Amino acid sequence: MSSGFLDSMKKASQRFATTVADSGAKAMLKTDIAFLERDIKARKQQFGLDIFEIMSANPSNVTDIQQSFDDAQGDVKHLESKVDAKRKEMAAIDQSTASGANTSIVNDEAETPGIPNN
């Protein structure tokens, strides 16, 4: 009887520890997503400033305008792919928590965003 009670307590404490770890991981992912979304907004704003300068200097300079757009679009797509990876990690955590499984999530492509040099 005592052994069953101890096993039950051990399993409950393991579930609690897993829930706490998952909550911490989700909080970190939410923070990462917020920083990435801020970086996306900042890149789009920088694009606007770049286009304004190009248009002020020479409005008919289509080549520079297109190059600036292509650069910004590539940067934004890269950041958006990181956001998508973070959201998939969160969904995997939710799914593992719901199913009771204790799986670790590894995604080498999802890196923590840096602080921009603004």
PDB file of N, CA and C in Angstrom:
ATOM      1  N   MET A   1       0.818  -1.183   0.000  1.00  0.00           N
ATOM      2  CA  MET A   1       0.000   0.000   0.000  1.00  0.00           C
ATOM      3  C   MET A   1       0.865   1.250   0.000  1.00  0.00           C
ATOM      4  N   SER A   2       1.887   1.240   0.825  1.00  0.00           N
ATOM      5  CA  SER A   2       2.790   2.379   0.911  1.00  0.00           C
ATOM      6  C   SER A   2       3.535   2.594  -0.397  1.00  0.00           C
ATOM      7  N   SER A   3       3.919   1.483  -1.036  1.00  0.00           N
ATOM      8  CA  SER A   3       4.644   1.573  -2.292  1.00  0.00           C
ATOM      9  C   SER A   3       3.760   2.185  -3.385  1.00  0.00           C
ATOM     10  N   GLY A   4       2.497   1.807  -3.422  1.00  0.00           N
ATOM     11  CA  GLY A   4       1.570   2.367  -4.401  1.00  0.00           C
ATOM     12  C   GLY A   4       1.378   3.853  -4.201  1.00  0.00           C
ATOM     13  N   PHE A   5       1.300   4.265  -2.939  1.00  0.00           N
ATOM     14  CA  PHE A   5       1.145   5.682  -2.632  1.00  0.00           C
ATOM     15  C   PHE A   5       2.381   6.465  -3.065  1.00  0.00           C
ATOM     16  N   LEU A   6       3.569   5.919  -2.790  1.00  0.00           N
ATOM     17  CA  LEU A   6       4.814   6.595  -3.191  1.00  0.00           C
ATOM     18  C   LEU A   6       4.935   6.683  -4.708  1.00  0.00           C
ATOM     19  N   ASP A   7       4.564   5.611  -5.396  1.00  0.00           N
ATOM     20  CA  ASP A   7       4.599   5.636  -6.859  1.00  0.00           C
ATOM     21  C   ASP A   7       3.640   6.692  -7.404  1.00  0.00           C
ATOM     22  N   SER A   8       2.473   6.760  -6.794  1.00  0.00           N
ATOM     23  CA  SER A   8       1.488   7.751  -7.207  1.00  0.00           C
ATOM     24  C   SER A   8       2.012   9.168  -6.984  1.00  0.00           C
ATOM     25  N   MET A   9       2.626   9.389  -5.854  1.00  0.00           N
ATOM     26  CA  MET A   9       3.193  10.713  -5.562  1.00  0.00           C
ATOM     27  C   MET A   9       4.344  11.043  -6.511  1.00  0.00           C
ATOM     28  N   LYS A  10       5.151  10.067  -6.822  1.00  0.00           N
ATOM     29  CA  LYS A  10       6.285  10.269  -7.731  1.00  0.00           C
ATOM     30  C   LYS A  10       5.781  10.653  -9.118  1.00  0.00           C
ATOM     31  N   LYS A  11       4.753   9.941  -9.601  1.00  0.00           N
ATOM     32  CA  LYS A  11       4.191  10.248 -10.917  1.00  0.00           C
ATOM     33  C   LYS A  11       3.559  11.637 -10.929  1.00  0.00           C
ATOM     34  N   ALA A  12       2.880  11.984  -9.852  1.00  0.00           N
ATOM     35  CA  ALA A  12       2.260  13.303  -9.769  1.00  0.00           C
ATOM     36  C   ALA A  12       3.319  14.396  -9.773  1.00  0.00           C
ATOM     37  N   SER A  13       4.399  14.189  -9.046  1.00  0.00           N
ATOM     38  CA  SER A  13       5.456  15.204  -9.012  1.00  0.00           C
ATOM     39  C   SER A  13       6.151  15.319 -10.369  1.00  0.00           C
ATOM     40  N   GLN A  14       6.281  14.200 -11.077  1.00  0.00           N
ATOM     41  CA  GLN A  14       6.880  14.241 -12.420  1.00  0.00           C
ATOM     42  C   GLN A  14       5.978  14.999 -13.390  1.00  0.00           C
ATOM     43  N   ARG A  15       4.669  14.777 -13.291  1.00  0.00           N
ATOM     44  CA  ARG A  15       3.734  15.515 -14.146  1.00  0.00           C
ATOM     45  C   ARG A  15       3.788  17.005 -13.844  1.00  0.00           C
ATOM     46  N   PHE A  16       3.891  17.333 -12.566  1.00  0.00           N
ATOM     47  CA  PHE A  16       3.982  18.738 -12.165  1.00  0.00           C
ATOM     48  C   PHE A  16       5.262  19.367 -12.711  1.00  0.00           C
ATOM     49  N   ALA A  17       6.374  18.670 -12.580  1.00  0.00           N
ATOM     50  CA  ALA A  17       7.648  19.196 -13.081  1.00  0.00           C
ATOM     51  C   ALA A  17       7.602  19.384 -14.590  1.00  0.00           C
ATOM     52  N   THR A  18       6.985  18.444 -15.293  1.00  0.00           N
ATOM     53  CA  THR A  18       6.856  18.552 -16.741  1.00  0.00           C
ATOM     54  C   THR A  18       5.991  19.750 -17.117  1.00  0.00           C
ATOM     55  N   THR A  19       4.902  19.941 -16.387  1.00  0.00           N
ATOM     56  CA  THR A  19       4.009  21.071 -16.656  1.00  0.00           C
ATOM     57  C   THR A  19       4.736  22.396 -16.436  1.00  0.00           C
ATOM     58  N   VAL A  20       5.510  22.480 -15.367  1.00  0.00           N
ATOM     59  CA  VAL A  20       6.271  23.705 -15.085  1.00  0.00           C
ATOM     60  C   VAL A  20       7.304  23.947 -16.182  1.00  0.00           C
ATOM     61  N   ALA A  21       8.006  22.891 -16.580  1.00  0.00           N
ATOM     62  CA  ALA A  21       9.016  23.039 -17.642  1.00  0.00           C
ATOM     63  C   ALA A  21       8.366  23.459 -18.950  1.00  0.00           C
ATOM     64  N   ASP A  22       7.224  22.852 -19.287  1.00  0.00           N
ATOM     65  CA  ASP A  22       6.520  23.218 -20.519  1.00  0.00           C
ATOM     66  C   ASP A  22       6.040  24.659 -20.466  1.00  0.00           C
ATOM     67  N   SER A  23       5.545  25.083 -19.320  1.00  0.00           N
ATOM     68  CA  SER A  23       5.090  26.473 -19.179  1.00  0.00           C
ATOM     69  C   SER A  23       6.250  27.439 -19.357  1.00  0.00           C
ATOM     70  N   GLY A  24       7.393  27.112 -18.802  1.00  0.00           N
ATOM     71  CA  GLY A  24       8.575  27.957 -18.967  1.00  0.00           C
ATOM     72  C   GLY A  24       9.030  28.024 -20.414  1.00  0.00           C
ATOM     73  N   ALA A  25       9.002  26.873 -21.078  1.00  0.00           N
ATOM     74  CA  ALA A  25       9.408  26.837 -22.485  1.00  0.00           C
ATOM     75  C   ALA A  25       8.447  27.657 -23.342  1.00  0.00           C
ATOM     76  N   LYS A  26       7.142  27.537 -23.059  1.00  0.00           N
ATOM     77  CA  LYS A  26       6.163  28.318 -23.826  1.00  0.00           C
ATOM     78  C   LYS A  26       6.328  29.815 -23.579  1.00  0.00           C
ATOM     79  N   ALA A  27       6.618  30.185 -22.342  1.00  0.00           N
ATOM     80  CA  ALA A  27       6.828  31.607 -22.043  1.00  0.00           C
ATOM     81  C   ALA A  27       8.040  32.138 -22.807  1.00  0.00           C
ATOM     82  N   MET A  28       9.099  31.348 -22.880  1.00  0.00           N
ATOM     83  CA  MET A  28      10.288  31.763 -23.616  1.00  0.00           C
ATOM     84  C   MET A  28       9.987  31.881 -25.109  1.00  0.00           C
ATOM     85  N   LEU A  29       9.223  30.933 -25.633  1.00  0.00           N
ATOM     86  CA  LEU A  29       8.859  30.987 -27.052  1.00  0.00           C
ATOM     87  C   LEU A  29       8.002  32.213 -27.351  1.00  0.00           C
ATOM     88  N   LYS A  30       7.066  32.535 -26.463  1.00  0.00           N
ATOM     89  CA  LYS A  30       6.236  33.726 -26.658  1.00  0.00           C
ATOM     90  C   LYS A  30       7.090  34.987 -26.664  1.00  0.00           C
ATOM     91  N   THR A  31       8.089  35.027 -25.795  1.00  0.00           N
ATOM     92  CA  THR A  31       9.003  36.176 -25.757  1.00  0.00           C
ATOM     93  C   THR A  31       9.797  36.261 -27.055  1.00  0.00           C
ATOM     94  N   ASP A  32      10.301  35.125 -27.507  1.00  0.00           N
ATOM     95  CA  ASP A  32      11.045  35.096 -28.771  1.00  0.00           C
ATOM     96  C   ASP A  32      10.181  35.587 -29.930  1.00  0.00           C
ATOM     97  N   ILE A  33       8.929  35.144 -29.963  1.00  0.00           N
ATOM     98  CA  ILE A  33       8.014  35.560 -31.030  1.00  0.00           C
ATOM     99  C   ILE A  33       7.788  37.071 -30.974  1.00  0.00           C
ATOM    100  N   ALA A  34       7.620  37.602 -29.773  1.00  0.00           N
ATOM    101  CA  ALA A  34       7.407  39.049 -29.634  1.00  0.00           C
ATOM    102  C   ALA A  34       8.623  39.822 -30.164  1.00  0.00           C
ATOM    103  N   PHE A  35       9.827  39.359 -29.845  1.00  0.00           N
ATOM    104  CA  PHE A  35      11.030  40.023 -30.337  1.00  0.00           C
ATOM    105  C   PHE A  35      11.143  39.901 -31.855  1.00  0.00           C
ATOM    106  N   LEU A  36      10.829  38.733 -32.392  1.00  0.00           N
ATOM    107  CA  LEU A  36      10.893  38.553 -33.836  1.00  0.00           C
ATOM    108  C   LEU A  36       9.875  39.439 -34.551  1.00  0.00           C
ATOM    109  N   GLU A  37       8.671  39.535 -34.004  1.00  0.00           N
ATOM    110  CA  GLU A  37       7.656  40.401 -34.614  1.00  0.00           C
ATOM    111  C   GLU A  37       8.076  41.864 -34.547  1.00  0.00           C
ATOM    112  N   ARG A  38       8.748  42.241 -33.477  1.00  0.00           N
ATOM    113  CA  ARG A  38       9.276  43.604 -33.382  1.00  0.00           C
ATOM    114  C   ARG A  38      10.351  43.828 -34.450  1.00  0.00           C
ATOM    115  N   ASP A  39      11.200  42.817 -34.651  1.00  0.00           N
ATOM    116  CA  ASP A  39      12.238  42.918 -35.677  1.00  0.00           C
ATOM    117  C   ASP A  39      11.630  43.029 -37.076  1.00  0.00           C
ATOM    118  N   ILE A  40      10.534  42.307 -37.314  1.00  0.00           N
ATOM    119  CA  ILE A  40       9.850  42.389 -38.613  1.00  0.00           C
ATOM    120  C   ILE A  40       9.327  43.803 -38.834  1.00  0.00           C
ATOM    121  N   LYS A  41       8.683  44.353 -37.820  1.00  0.00           N
ATOM    122  CA  LYS A  41       8.145  45.712 -37.935  1.00  0.00           C
ATOM    123  C   LYS A  41       9.272  46.723 -38.173  1.00  0.00           C
ATOM    124  N   ALA A  42      10.371  46.566 -37.453  1.00  0.00           N
ATOM    125  CA  ALA A  42      11.501  47.488 -37.608  1.00  0.00           C
ATOM    126  C   ALA A  42      12.090  47.391 -39.015  1.00  0.00           C
ATOM    127  N   ARG A  43      12.144  46.169 -39.557  1.00  0.00           N
ATOM    128  CA  ARG A  43      12.705  46.007 -40.908  1.00  0.00           C
ATOM    129  C   ARG A  43      11.801  46.644 -41.946  1.00  0.00           C
ATOM    130  N   LYS A  44      10.508  46.519 -41.768  1.00  0.00           N
ATOM    131  CA  LYS A  44       9.567  47.153 -42.696  1.00  0.00           C
ATOM    132  C   LYS A  44       9.659  48.671 -42.606  1.00  0.00           C
ATOM    133  N   GLN A  45       9.826  49.190 -41.408  1.00  0.00           N
ATOM    134  CA  GLN A  45       9.977  50.638 -41.251  1.00  0.00           C
ATOM    135  C   GLN A  45      11.272  51.115 -41.897  1.00  0.00           C
ATOM    136  N   GLN A  46      12.341  50.334 -41.751  1.00  0.00           N
ATOM    137  CA  GLN A  46      13.610  50.701 -42.374  1.00  0.00           C
ATOM    138  C   GLN A  46      13.479  50.695 -43.889  1.00  0.00           C
ATOM    139  N   PHE A  47      12.716  49.745 -44.410  1.00  0.00           N
ATOM    140  CA  PHE A  47      12.464  49.707 -45.851  1.00  0.00           C
ATOM    141  C   PHE A  47      11.807  51.005 -46.315  1.00  0.00           C
ATOM    142  N   GLY A  48      10.830  51.473 -45.565  1.00  0.00           N
ATOM    143  CA  GLY A  48      10.159  52.729 -45.910  1.00  0.00           C
ATOM    144  C   GLY A  48      11.123  53.896 -45.927  1.00  0.00           C
ATOM    145  N   LEU A  49      12.006  53.944 -44.948  1.00  0.00           N
ATOM    146  CA  LEU A  49      13.007  55.018 -44.903  1.00  0.00           C
ATOM    147  C   LEU A  49      13.975  54.916 -46.088  1.00  0.00           C
ATOM    148  N   ASP A  50      14.381  53.688 -46.408  1.00  0.00           N
ATOM    149  CA  ASP A  50      15.292  53.487 -47.544  1.00  0.00           C
ATOM    150  C   ASP A  50      14.644  53.939 -48.851  1.00  0.00           C
ATOM    151  N   ILE A  51      13.391  53.565 -49.049  1.00  0.00           N
ATOM    152  CA  ILE A  51      12.686  53.952 -50.283  1.00  0.00           C
ATOM    153  C   ILE A  51      12.522  55.463 -50.345  1.00  0.00           C
ATOM    154  N   PHE A  52      12.217  56.080 -49.220  1.00  0.00           N
ATOM    155  CA  PHE A  52      12.068  57.527 -49.191  1.00  0.00           C
ATOM    156  C   PHE A  52      13.362  58.209 -49.645  1.00  0.00           C
ATOM    157  N   GLU A  53      14.501  57.726 -49.139  1.00  0.00           N
ATOM    158  CA  GLU A  53      15.788  58.323 -49.536  1.00  0.00           C
ATOM    159  C   GLU A  53      16.074  58.088 -51.012  1.00  0.00           C
ATOM    160  N   ILE A  54      15.785  56.880 -51.498  1.00  0.00           N
ATOM    161  CA  ILE A  54      16.016  56.590 -52.917  1.00  0.00           C
ATOM    162  C   ILE A  54      15.136  57.479 -53.786  1.00  0.00           C
ATOM    163  N   MET A  55      13.870  57.591 -53.406  1.00  0.00           N
ATOM    164  CA  MET A  55      12.934  58.402 -54.190  1.00  0.00           C
ATOM    165  C   MET A  55      13.277  59.887 -54.109  1.00  0.00           C
ATOM    166  N   SER A  56      13.796  60.326 -52.971  1.00  0.00           N
ATOM    167  CA  SER A  56      14.178  61.729 -52.829  1.00  0.00           C
ATOM    168  C   SER A  56      15.364  62.050 -53.726  1.00  0.00           C
ATOM    169  N   ALA A  57      16.301  61.121 -53.832  1.00  0.00           N
ATOM    170  CA  ALA A  57      17.498  61.350 -54.631  1.00  0.00           C
ATOM    171  C   ALA A  57      17.206  61.238 -56.128  1.00  0.00           C
ATOM    172  N   ASN A  58      16.446  60.216 -56.517  1.00  0.00           N
ATOM    173  CA  ASN A  58      16.177  59.996 -57.940  1.00  0.00           C
ATOM    174  C   ASN A  58      14.926  59.116 -58.064  1.00  0.00           C
ATOM    175  N   PRO A  59      13.768  59.699 -58.255  1.00  0.00           N
ATOM    176  CA  PRO A  59      12.514  58.937 -58.298  1.00  0.00           C
ATOM    177  C   PRO A  59      12.439  57.894 -59.420  1.00  0.00           C
ATOM    178  N   SER A  60      13.247  58.054 -60.438  1.00  0.00           N
ATOM    179  CA  SER A  60      13.184  57.111 -61.563  1.00  0.00           C
ATOM    180  C   SER A  60      14.181  55.962 -61.418  1.00  0.00           C
ATOM    181  N   ASN A  61      14.825  55.853 -60.267  1.00  0.00           N
ATOM    182  CA  ASN A  61      15.828  54.808 -60.038  1.00  0.00           C
ATOM    183  C   ASN A  61      15.142  53.503 -59.634  1.00  0.00           C
ATOM    184  N   VAL A  62      14.564  52.826 -60.594  1.00  0.00           N
ATOM    185  CA  VAL A  62      13.795  51.606 -60.354  1.00  0.00           C
ATOM    186  C   VAL A  62      14.696  50.474 -59.860  1.00  0.00           C
ATOM    187  N   THR A  63      15.919  50.442 -60.324  1.00  0.00           N
ATOM    188  CA  THR A  63      16.839  49.371 -59.937  1.00  0.00           C
ATOM    189  C   THR A  63      17.094  49.380 -58.435  1.00  0.00           C
ATOM    190  N   ASP A  64      17.399  50.550 -57.877  1.00  0.00           N
ATOM    191  CA  ASP A  64      17.650  50.640 -56.434  1.00  0.00           C
ATOM    192  C   ASP A  64      16.392  50.363 -55.624  1.00  0.00           C
ATOM    193  N   ILE A  65      15.260  50.812 -56.139  1.00  0.00           N
ATOM    194  CA  ILE A  65      13.990  50.556 -55.448  1.00  0.00           C
ATOM    195  C   ILE A  65      13.731  49.049 -55.394  1.00  0.00           C
ATOM    196  N   GLN A  66      13.895  48.379 -56.523  1.00  0.00           N
ATOM    197  CA  GLN A  66      13.668  46.928 -56.576  1.00  0.00           C
ATOM    198  C   GLN A  66      14.659  46.191 -55.686  1.00  0.00           C
ATOM    199  N   GLN A  67      15.913  46.621 -55.691  1.00  0.00           N
ATOM    200  CA  GLN A  67      16.922  45.962 -54.857  1.00  0.00           C
ATOM    201  C   GLN A  67      16.589  46.130 -53.375  1.00  0.00           C
ATOM    202  N   SER A  68      16.171  47.317 -52.991  1.00  0.00           N
ATOM    203  CA  SER A  68      15.796  47.565 -51.601  1.00  0.00           C
ATOM    204  C   SER A  68      14.604  46.699 -51.203  1.00  0.00           C
ATOM    205  N   PHE A  69      13.630  46.592 -52.104  1.00  0.00           N
ATOM    206  CA  PHE A  69      12.462  45.748 -51.838  1.00  0.00           C
ATOM    207  C   PHE A  69      12.856  44.286 -51.693  1.00  0.00           C
ATOM    208  N   ASP A  70      13.688  43.799 -52.609  1.00  0.00           N
ATOM    209  CA  ASP A  70      14.114  42.396 -52.566  1.00  0.00           C
ATOM    210  C   ASP A  70      14.859  42.089 -51.265  1.00  0.00           C
ATOM    211  N   ASP A  71      15.739  43.008 -50.851  1.00  0.00           N
ATOM    212  CA  ASP A  71      16.478  42.816 -49.592  1.00  0.00           C
ATOM    213  C   ASP A  71      15.531  42.766 -48.398  1.00  0.00           C
ATOM    214  N   ALA A  72      14.615  43.708 -48.349  1.00  0.00           N
ATOM    215  CA  ALA A  72      13.661  43.758 -47.232  1.00  0.00           C
ATOM    216  C   ALA A  72      12.763  42.534 -47.234  1.00  0.00           C
ATOM    217  N   GLN A  73      12.285  42.139 -48.390  1.00  0.00           N
ATOM    218  CA  GLN A  73      11.408  40.981 -48.482  1.00  0.00           C
ATOM    219  C   GLN A  73      12.123  39.714 -48.009  1.00  0.00           C
ATOM    220  N   GLY A  74      13.377  39.558 -48.391  1.00  0.00           N
ATOM    221  CA  GLY A  74      14.155  38.397 -47.941  1.00  0.00           C
ATOM    222  C   GLY A  74      14.333  38.386 -46.431  1.00  0.00           C
ATOM    223  N   ASP A  75      14.640  39.552 -45.866  1.00  0.00           N
ATOM    224  CA  ASP A  75      14.806  39.647 -44.413  1.00  0.00           C
ATOM    225  C   ASP A  75      13.511  39.329 -43.680  1.00  0.00           C
ATOM    226  N   VAL A  76      12.409  39.878 -44.167  1.00  0.00           N
ATOM    227  CA  VAL A  76      11.105  39.665 -43.519  1.00  0.00           C
ATOM    228  C   VAL A  76      10.697  38.195 -43.630  1.00  0.00           C
ATOM    229  N   LYS A  77      10.895  37.579 -44.780  1.00  0.00           N
ATOM    230  CA  LYS A  77      10.541  36.163 -44.939  1.00  0.00           C
ATOM    231  C   LYS A  77      11.364  35.290 -43.996  1.00  0.00           C
ATOM    232  N   HIS A  78      12.638  35.623 -43.838  1.00  0.00           N
ATOM    233  CA  HIS A  78      13.502  34.865 -42.926  1.00  0.00           C
ATOM    234  C   HIS A  78      12.990  34.975 -41.485  1.00  0.00           C
ATOM    235  N   LEU A  79      12.647  36.185 -41.071  1.00  0.00           N
ATOM    236  CA  LEU A  79      12.135  36.390 -39.715  1.00  0.00           C
ATOM    237  C   LEU A  79      10.782  35.704 -39.534  1.00  0.00           C
ATOM    238  N   GLU A  80       9.932  35.775 -40.545  1.00  0.00           N
ATOM    239  CA  GLU A  80       8.622  35.120 -40.459  1.00  0.00           C
ATOM    240  C   GLU A  80       8.769  33.607 -40.363  1.00  0.00           C
ATOM    241  N   SER A  81       9.768  33.043 -41.034  1.00  0.00           N
ATOM    242  CA  SER A  81       9.975  31.590 -40.930  1.00  0.00           C
ATOM    243  C   SER A  81      10.397  31.214 -39.513  1.00  0.00           C
ATOM    244  N   LYS A  82      11.158  32.083 -38.853  1.00  0.00           N
ATOM    245  CA  LYS A  82      11.529  31.828 -37.462  1.00  0.00           C
ATOM    246  C   LYS A  82      10.299  31.891 -36.554  1.00  0.00           C
ATOM    247  N   VAL A  83       9.406  32.855 -36.813  1.00  0.00           N
ATOM    248  CA  VAL A  83       8.167  32.959 -36.028  1.00  0.00           C
ATOM    249  C   VAL A  83       7.344  31.687 -36.212  1.00  0.00           C
ATOM    250  N   ASP A  84       7.230  31.219 -37.450  1.00  0.00           N
ATOM    251  CA  ASP A  84       6.467  29.993 -37.719  1.00  0.00           C
ATOM    252  C   ASP A  84       7.070  28.801 -36.976  1.00  0.00           C
ATOM    253  N   ALA A  85       8.399  28.711 -36.959  1.00  0.00           N
ATOM    254  CA  ALA A  85       9.058  27.610 -36.250  1.00  0.00           C
ATOM    255  C   ALA A  85       8.764  27.675 -34.753  1.00  0.00           C
ATOM    256  N   LYS A  86       8.785  28.879 -34.187  1.00  0.00           N
ATOM    257  CA  LYS A  86       8.485  29.036 -32.756  1.00  0.00           C
ATOM    258  C   LYS A  86       7.033  28.638 -32.470  1.00  0.00           C
ATOM    259  N   ARG A  87       6.125  29.013 -33.348  1.00  0.00           N
ATOM    260  CA  ARG A  87       4.706  28.660 -33.148  1.00  0.00           C
ATOM    261  C   ARG A  87       4.506  27.148 -33.248  1.00  0.00           C
ATOM    262  N   LYS A  88       5.242  26.507 -34.150  1.00  0.00           N
ATOM    263  CA  LYS A  88       5.154  25.047 -34.259  1.00  0.00           C
ATOM    264  C   LYS A  88       5.684  24.387 -32.986  1.00  0.00           C
ATOM    265  N   GLU A  89       6.749  24.936 -32.424  1.00  0.00           N
ATOM    266  CA  GLU A  89       7.264  24.413 -31.162  1.00  0.00           C
ATOM    267  C   GLU A  89       6.224  24.547 -30.055  1.00  0.00           C
ATOM    268  N   MET A  90       5.546  25.694 -30.006  1.00  0.00           N
ATOM    269  CA  MET A  90       4.504  25.892 -28.992  1.00  0.00           C
ATOM    270  C   MET A  90       3.369  24.888 -29.183  1.00  0.00           C
ATOM    271  N   ALA A  91       2.991  24.653 -30.426  1.00  0.00           N
ATOM    272  CA  ALA A  91       1.919  23.692 -30.703  1.00  0.00           C
ATOM    273  C   ALA A  91       2.349  22.280 -30.290  1.00  0.00           C
ATOM    274  N   ALA A  92       3.610  21.956 -30.517  1.00  0.00           N
ATOM    275  CA  ALA A  92       4.116  20.640 -30.123  1.00  0.00           C
ATOM    276  C   ALA A  92       4.109  20.489 -28.604  1.00  0.00           C
ATOM    277  N   ILE A  93       4.450  21.559 -27.905  1.00  0.00           N
ATOM    278  CA  ILE A  93       4.396  21.521 -26.437  1.00  0.00           C
ATOM    279  C   ILE A  93       2.961  21.328 -25.980  1.00  0.00           C
ATOM    280  N   ASP A  94       2.037  22.068 -26.581  1.00  0.00           N
ATOM    281  CA  ASP A  94       0.622  21.918 -26.234  1.00  0.00           C
ATOM    282  C   ASP A  94       0.146  20.495 -26.494  1.00  0.00           C
ATOM    283  N   GLN A  95       0.558  19.947 -27.622  1.00  0.00           N
ATOM    284  CA  GLN A  95       0.136  18.597 -27.982  1.00  0.00           C
ATOM    285  C   GLN A  95       0.734  17.571 -27.024  1.00  0.00           C
ATOM    286  N   SER A  96       2.009  17.723 -26.667  1.00  0.00           N
ATOM    287  CA  SER A  96       2.626  16.758 -25.757  1.00  0.00           C
ATOM    288  C   SER A  96       2.035  16.875 -24.357  1.00  0.00           C
ATOM    289  N   THR A  97       1.668  18.090 -23.961  1.00  0.00           N
ATOM    290  CA  THR A  97       1.046  18.285 -22.654  1.00  0.00           C
ATOM    291  C   THR A  97      -0.344  17.656 -22.648  1.00  0.00           C
ATOM    292  N   ALA A  98      -1.082  17.826 -23.729  1.00  0.00           N
ATOM    293  CA  ALA A  98      -2.437  17.286 -23.815  1.00  0.00           C
ATOM    294  C   ALA A  98      -2.430  15.761 -23.843  1.00  0.00           C
ATOM    295  N   SER A  99      -1.429  15.191 -24.503  1.00  0.00           N
ATOM    296  CA  SER A  99      -1.376  13.735 -24.608  1.00  0.00           C
ATOM    297  C   SER A  99      -0.670  13.104 -23.410  1.00  0.00           C
ATOM    298  N   GLY A 100      -0.042  13.945 -22.591  1.00  0.00           N
ATOM    299  CA  GLY A 100       0.655  13.419 -21.417  1.00  0.00           C
ATOM    300  C   GLY A 100       2.026  12.885 -21.735  1.00  0.00           C
ATOM    301  N   ALA A 101       2.449  13.021 -22.963  1.00  0.00           N
ATOM    302  CA  ALA A 101       3.769  12.521 -23.342  1.00  0.00           C
ATOM    303  C   ALA A 101       4.832  13.479 -22.858  1.00  0.00           C
ATOM    304  N   ASN A 102       5.986  12.944 -22.578  1.00  0.00           N
ATOM    305  CA  ASN A 102       7.115  13.765 -22.147  1.00  0.00           C
ATOM    306  C   ASN A 102       8.173  13.724 -23.237  1.00  0.00           C
ATOM    307  N   THR A 103       7.980  14.532 -24.270  1.00  0.00           N
ATOM    308  CA  THR A 103       8.921  14.567 -25.377  1.00  0.00           C
ATOM    309  C   THR A 103       9.638  15.886 -25.372  1.00  0.00           C
ATOM    310  N   SER A 104      10.885  15.843 -25.737  1.00  0.00           N
ATOM    311  CA  SER A 104      11.633  17.098 -25.834  1.00  0.00           C
ATOM    312  C   SER A 104      11.582  17.575 -27.267  1.00  0.00           C
ATOM    313  N   ILE A 105      11.534  18.870 -27.420  1.00  0.00           N
ATOM    314  CA  ILE A 105      11.392  19.482 -28.731  1.00  0.00           C
ATOM    315  C   ILE A 105      12.706  20.137 -29.091  1.00  0.00           C
ATOM    316  N   VAL A 106      13.241  19.726 -30.222  1.00  0.00           N
ATOM    317  CA  VAL A 106      14.496  20.299 -30.680  1.00  0.00           C
ATOM    318  C   VAL A 106      14.266  20.840 -32.071  1.00  0.00           C
ATOM    319  N   ASN A 107      14.629  22.119 -32.257  1.00  0.00           N
ATOM    320  CA  ASN A 107      14.508  22.743 -33.569  1.00  0.00           C
ATOM    321  C   ASN A 107      15.747  23.603 -33.757  1.00  0.00           C
ATOM    322  N   ASP A 108      16.706  23.078 -34.507  1.00  0.00           N
ATOM    323  CA  ASP A 108      17.970  23.779 -34.681  1.00  0.00           C
ATOM    324  C   ASP A 108      17.826  25.054 -35.498  1.00  0.00           C
ATOM    325  N   GLU A 109      16.792  25.146 -36.342  1.00  0.00           N
ATOM    326  CA  GLU A 109      16.641  26.325 -37.173  1.00  0.00           C
ATOM    327  C   GLU A 109      16.032  27.495 -36.425  1.00  0.00           C
ATOM    328  N   ALA A 110      15.344  27.226 -35.333  1.00  0.00           N
ATOM    329  CA  ALA A 110      14.717  28.300 -34.561  1.00  0.00           C
ATOM    330  C   ALA A 110      15.729  28.817 -33.554  1.00  0.00           C
ATOM    331  N   GLU A 111      16.271  29.950 -33.826  1.00  0.00           N
ATOM    332  CA  GLU A 111      17.239  30.530 -32.918  1.00  0.00           C
ATOM    333  C   GLU A 111      16.630  31.714 -32.197  1.00  0.00           C
ATOM    334  N   THR A 112      17.187  32.020 -31.066  1.00  0.00           N
ATOM    335  CA  THR A 112      16.680  33.136 -30.299  1.00  0.00           C
ATOM    336  C   THR A 112      17.038  34.432 -31.012  1.00  0.00           C
ATOM    337  N   PRO A 113      16.082  35.330 -31.158  1.00  0.00           N
ATOM    338  CA  PRO A 113      16.368  36.573 -31.884  1.00  0.00           C
ATOM    339  C   PRO A 113      17.344  37.458 -31.129  1.00  0.00           C
ATOM    340  N   GLY A 114      18.127  38.176 -31.885  1.00  0.00           N
ATOM    341  CA  GLY A 114      19.064  39.107 -31.270  1.00  0.00           C
ATOM    342  C   GLY A 114      18.440  40.473 -31.082  1.00  0.00           C
ATOM    343  N   ILE A 115      19.110  41.291 -30.376  1.00  0.00           N
ATOM    344  CA  ILE A 115      18.644  42.652 -30.173  1.00  0.00           C
ATOM    345  C   ILE A 115      19.180  43.493 -31.314  1.00  0.00           C
ATOM    346  N   PRO A 116      18.287  44.145 -32.076  1.00  0.00           N
ATOM    347  CA  PRO A 116      18.761  44.911 -33.226  1.00  0.00           C
ATOM    348  C   PRO A 116      19.614  46.111 -32.790  1.00  0.00           C
ATOM    349  N   ASN A 117      20.454  46.554 -33.710  1.00  0.00           N
ATOM    350  CA  ASN A 117      21.376  47.648 -33.416  1.00  0.00           C
ATOM    351  C   ASN A 117      20.753  48.995 -33.735  1.00  0.00           C
ATOM    352  N   ASN A 118      19.526  49.210 -33.318  1.00  0.00           N
ATOM    353  CA  ASN A 118      18.837  50.476 -33.615  1.00  0.00           C
ATOM    354  C   ASN A 118      19.203  51.523 -32.619  1.00  0.00           C
TER     355      ASN A 118
END
